[in-house]
Protein backbone atom coordinates (compact mmCIF):
# COMPACT_ATOMS: atom_id res chain seq x y z
CA UNK A 1 -12.27 -20.18 1.03
CA UNK A 2 -13.20 -17.89 -1.86
CA UNK A 3 -10.90 -18.12 -4.86
CA UNK A 4 -9.62 -14.93 -6.47
CA UNK A 5 -11.43 -14.16 -9.70
CA UNK A 6 -8.86 -11.78 -11.15
CA UNK A 7 -7.45 -12.77 -14.52
CA UNK A 8 -3.98 -12.22 -15.98
CA UNK A 9 -5.48 -9.65 -18.34
CA UNK A 10 -7.02 -7.75 -15.43
CA UNK A 11 -3.67 -7.74 -13.64
CA UNK A 12 -2.07 -6.21 -16.72
CA UNK A 13 -4.87 -3.63 -16.85
CA UNK A 14 -4.04 -2.74 -13.23
CA UNK A 15 -0.36 -2.47 -14.15
CA UNK A 16 -1.23 0.02 -16.87
CA UNK A 17 -3.81 1.93 -14.80
CA UNK A 18 -1.47 2.48 -11.87
CA UNK A 19 1.78 2.69 -13.84
CA UNK A 20 3.31 -0.30 -12.05
CA UNK A 21 6.78 -1.02 -13.47
CA UNK A 22 7.30 -4.36 -15.21
CA UNK A 23 10.07 -5.11 -12.70
CA UNK A 24 7.34 -5.69 -10.10
CA UNK A 25 5.67 -9.09 -10.40
CA UNK A 26 1.89 -9.23 -10.15
CA UNK A 27 -0.06 -12.40 -9.53
CA UNK A 28 -3.42 -13.52 -8.20
CA UNK A 29 -3.56 -15.84 -5.21
CA UNK A 30 -3.44 -19.53 -6.10
CA UNK A 31 -6.32 -21.91 -5.36
CA UNK A 32 -5.08 -22.66 -1.83
CA UNK A 33 -3.85 -19.13 -1.04
CA UNK A 34 -5.63 -16.22 0.55
CA UNK A 35 -4.86 -12.58 -0.15
CA UNK A 36 -4.91 -11.84 3.58
CA UNK A 37 -2.32 -14.58 4.25
CA UNK A 38 0.24 -14.37 1.44
CA UNK A 39 3.15 -16.80 1.16
CA UNK A 40 6.67 -15.83 2.22
CA UNK A 41 8.13 -13.10 0.00
CA UNK A 42 4.74 -11.96 -1.34
CA UNK A 43 2.92 -8.76 -0.39
CA UNK A 44 -0.80 -8.18 -0.87
CA UNK A 45 -1.97 -4.76 -1.98
CA UNK A 46 -5.65 -4.18 -2.69
CA UNK A 47 -6.77 -1.96 -5.57
CA UNK A 48 -8.62 0.56 -3.35
CA UNK A 49 -5.25 1.33 -1.73
CA UNK A 50 -3.84 2.14 -5.17
CA UNK A 51 -6.87 4.35 -5.78
CA UNK A 52 -5.91 6.30 -2.63
CA UNK A 53 -2.51 7.21 -4.07
CA UNK A 54 -0.10 4.42 -3.15
CA UNK A 55 2.35 3.85 -6.00
CA UNK A 56 4.73 1.00 -6.73
CA UNK A 57 7.55 0.80 -6.10
CA UNK A 58 6.58 2.18 -2.74
CA UNK A 59 8.16 5.46 -1.65
CA UNK A 60 10.86 4.93 1.03
CA UNK A 61 8.84 7.06 3.48
CA UNK A 62 5.94 4.57 3.41
CA UNK A 63 8.31 1.59 3.56
CA UNK A 64 9.86 2.99 6.72
CA UNK A 65 6.47 3.70 8.29
CA UNK A 66 5.32 0.13 7.59
CA UNK A 67 8.57 -1.26 8.98
CA UNK A 68 8.31 0.87 12.14
CA UNK A 69 4.70 -0.16 12.67
CA UNK A 70 5.43 -3.81 11.78
CA UNK A 71 2.56 -3.81 9.28
CA UNK A 72 2.02 -5.07 5.75
CA UNK A 73 0.42 -2.73 3.19
CA UNK A 74 -2.86 -4.68 3.29
CA UNK A 75 -3.14 -4.11 7.05
CA UNK A 76 -3.86 -0.42 6.57
CA UNK A 77 -7.31 0.50 5.31
CA UNK A 78 -7.72 2.39 2.04
CA UNK A 79 -8.87 5.41 4.08
CA UNK A 80 -5.72 5.15 6.19
CA UNK A 81 -3.57 5.08 3.04
CA UNK A 82 -5.42 8.10 1.73
CA UNK A 83 -4.67 9.96 4.96
CA UNK A 84 -1.02 8.95 4.89
CA UNK A 85 -0.50 9.93 1.25
CA UNK A 86 -2.37 13.23 1.66
CA UNK A 87 -0.46 14.09 4.84
CA UNK A 88 2.85 13.38 3.16
CA UNK A 89 2.01 15.41 0.04
CA UNK A 90 0.60 18.36 1.99
CA UNK A 91 3.71 18.45 4.16
CA UNK A 92 6.03 18.44 1.15
CA UNK A 93 4.07 21.29 -0.48
CA UNK A 94 3.80 23.33 2.75
CA UNK A 95 7.46 22.86 3.55
CA UNK A 96 8.59 23.81 0.02
CA UNK A 97 9.82 20.36 -0.88
CA UNK A 98 11.25 19.25 2.47
CA UNK A 99 10.29 15.63 3.04
CA UNK A 100 8.25 14.61 6.05
CA UNK A 101 10.20 12.25 8.28
CA UNK A 102 8.58 9.14 9.73
CA UNK A 103 9.09 10.57 13.26
CA UNK A 104 7.26 13.78 12.34
CA UNK A 105 4.45 11.80 10.77
CA UNK A 106 4.15 9.51 13.79
CA UNK A 107 3.77 12.55 16.04
CA UNK A 108 0.41 13.30 14.35
CA UNK A 109 -0.76 9.89 13.14
CA UNK A 110 -0.68 6.49 14.79
CA UNK A 111 -2.39 3.29 13.73
CA UNK A 112 -5.01 1.71 15.92
CA UNK A 113 -6.54 -1.73 15.87
CA UNK A 114 -10.00 -2.04 14.37
CA UNK A 115 -12.78 -2.71 16.84
CA UNK A 116 -14.50 -5.12 14.44
């Protein structure tokens, strides 16, 4: 099992880079933990997902989508997050500020399992 190499300083750099509020705890996986199998009460989010536009705390729209799909944030690829964020933002702009509902989003986008 590969150990995480991220340092406390790098976590703080990520906090600053992505404007993560101090109320959200950040930590690297411990020596016996894996990012893809976090302990109870912990959620893994990879940096490329943040680069695609996901912000913390997570917008209620994305929380509801994840809940409906029974997925954790790390189970959606960075590309998938980019598509979700872009779709949401384009809808809000096109609809003059009206939020996209999860049902409307699910009518055009559904997750699929990777073939790999």
